[in-house]
Amino acid sequence: MVRRRNRGIIGIVIIIACVGLFFSVSGAGELMTITGQVTEDFQILSDDGIPYEILINDMGAEIVDHIGERVKVTGIVEEDEGYKVIDVQSYTVLE
């Protein structure tokens, strides 16, 4: 009887852990593609007027070399203190 109760408790703990893991992963950011202009403020101002802060890593540092140019960017977008931040995975400079 005690073993059966322990199995039930362990099962509940595993379910709670899985649900917590699901919500933490789903909140980790969203893969998006945006088109817009690279600004002097290290942002991409999307065609629909939304500013995305560029996360400065290797790819982010590369895209800031294109200030004033239109780009198509794919990356992971997260919100940080009300700002949208994009971790650039790939980009194309548009003409």
Protein backbone atom coordinates (compact mmCIF):
# COMPACT_ATOMS: atom_id res chain seq x y z
CA MET A 1 0.00 0.00 0.00
CA VAL A 2 2.82 2.43 0.85
CA ARG A 3 4.65 1.58 -2.41
CA ARG A 4 1.51 2.29 -4.43
CA ARG A 5 1.10 5.67 -2.72
CA ASN A 6 4.78 6.50 -3.36
CA ARG A 7 4.37 5.62 -7.04
CA GLY A 8 1.37 7.94 -7.22
CA ILE A 9 3.29 10.77 -5.60
CA ILE A 10 6.27 10.21 -7.91
CA GLY A 11 3.92 10.21 -10.91
CA ILE A 12 2.40 13.52 -9.84
CA VAL A 13 5.85 15.05 -9.33
CA ILE A 14 6.92 13.91 -12.82
CA ILE A 15 3.77 15.38 -14.38
CA ILE A 16 4.30 18.72 -12.60
CA ALA A 17 7.95 18.78 -13.71
CA CYS A 18 6.95 18.09 -17.34
CA VAL A 19 4.32 20.83 -17.32
CA GLY A 20 6.85 23.28 -15.83
CA LEU A 21 9.42 22.32 -18.46
CA PHE A 22 6.86 22.81 -21.25
CA PHE A 23 5.99 26.32 -20.09
CA SER A 24 9.62 27.34 -19.56
CA VAL A 25 10.59 26.14 -23.05
CA SER A 26 7.57 27.72 -24.73
CA GLY A 27 8.45 31.04 -23.08
CA ALA A 28 12.02 30.90 -24.37
CA GLY A 29 11.29 32.92 -27.50
CA GLU A 30 9.76 32.60 -30.91
CA LEU A 31 11.50 32.05 -34.24
CA MET A 32 10.41 34.92 -36.48
CA THR A 33 11.31 36.49 -39.80
CA ILE A 34 11.03 40.27 -40.01
CA THR A 35 11.81 42.79 -42.70
CA GLY A 36 12.92 46.31 -41.89
CA GLN A 37 15.72 48.84 -41.66
CA VAL A 38 18.82 48.63 -39.44
CA THR A 39 19.02 51.80 -37.33
CA GLU A 40 21.87 53.63 -35.59
CA ASP A 41 20.35 52.55 -32.27
CA PHE A 42 21.26 48.88 -32.96
CA GLN A 43 17.66 48.09 -33.80
CA ILE A 44 15.73 46.77 -36.73
CA LEU A 45 12.70 48.94 -37.34
CA SER A 46 10.28 46.53 -38.98
CA ASP A 47 8.13 47.53 -41.94
CA ASP A 48 5.12 47.61 -39.60
CA GLY A 49 6.88 50.09 -37.26
CA ILE A 50 7.94 47.73 -34.45
CA PRO A 51 11.52 48.22 -33.18
CA TYR A 52 13.54 45.08 -32.41
CA GLU A 53 16.71 45.46 -30.33
CA ILE A 54 19.56 43.50 -31.94
CA LEU A 55 21.25 41.06 -29.57
CA ILE A 56 24.96 41.73 -30.07
CA ASN A 57 26.64 38.42 -30.73
CA ASP A 58 28.61 37.36 -33.84
CA MET A 59 25.65 37.63 -36.23
CA GLY A 60 24.20 40.68 -34.48
CA ALA A 61 27.53 42.52 -34.69
CA GLU A 62 27.66 41.67 -38.39
CA ILE A 63 24.20 43.03 -39.18
CA VAL A 64 24.91 46.38 -37.48
CA ASP A 65 27.41 47.03 -40.28
CA HIS A 66 24.33 47.56 -42.49
CA ILE A 67 22.94 50.68 -40.77
CA GLY A 68 20.42 52.42 -43.01
CA GLU A 69 19.85 49.34 -45.18
CA ARG A 70 16.75 47.17 -45.46
CA VAL A 71 17.20 43.59 -44.32
CA LYS A 72 15.21 40.40 -43.99
CA VAL A 73 16.13 38.79 -40.66
CA THR A 74 15.30 35.44 -39.11
CA GLY A 75 15.94 34.97 -35.41
CA ILE A 76 14.64 34.20 -31.96
CA VAL A 77 12.52 37.05 -30.57
CA GLU A 78 12.06 37.51 -26.83
CA GLU A 79 10.60 40.31 -24.75
CA ASP A 80 12.84 41.90 -22.15
CA GLU A 81 11.39 44.63 -19.92
CA GLY A 82 8.89 45.64 -22.61
CA TYR A 83 11.40 45.61 -25.48
CA LYS A 84 11.51 43.07 -28.28
CA VAL A 85 15.00 41.60 -28.67
CA ILE A 86 16.05 39.54 -31.68
CA ASP A 87 18.88 37.00 -31.63
CA VAL A 88 19.74 37.04 -35.34
CA GLN A 89 20.20 33.56 -36.83
CA SER A 90 20.41 34.65 -40.47
CA TYR A 91 19.80 37.72 -42.59
CA THR A 92 19.72 39.00 -46.15
CA VAL A 93 20.42 42.58 -47.23
CA LEU A 94 17.61 43.73 -49.53
CA GLU A 95 17.97 46.15 -52.43
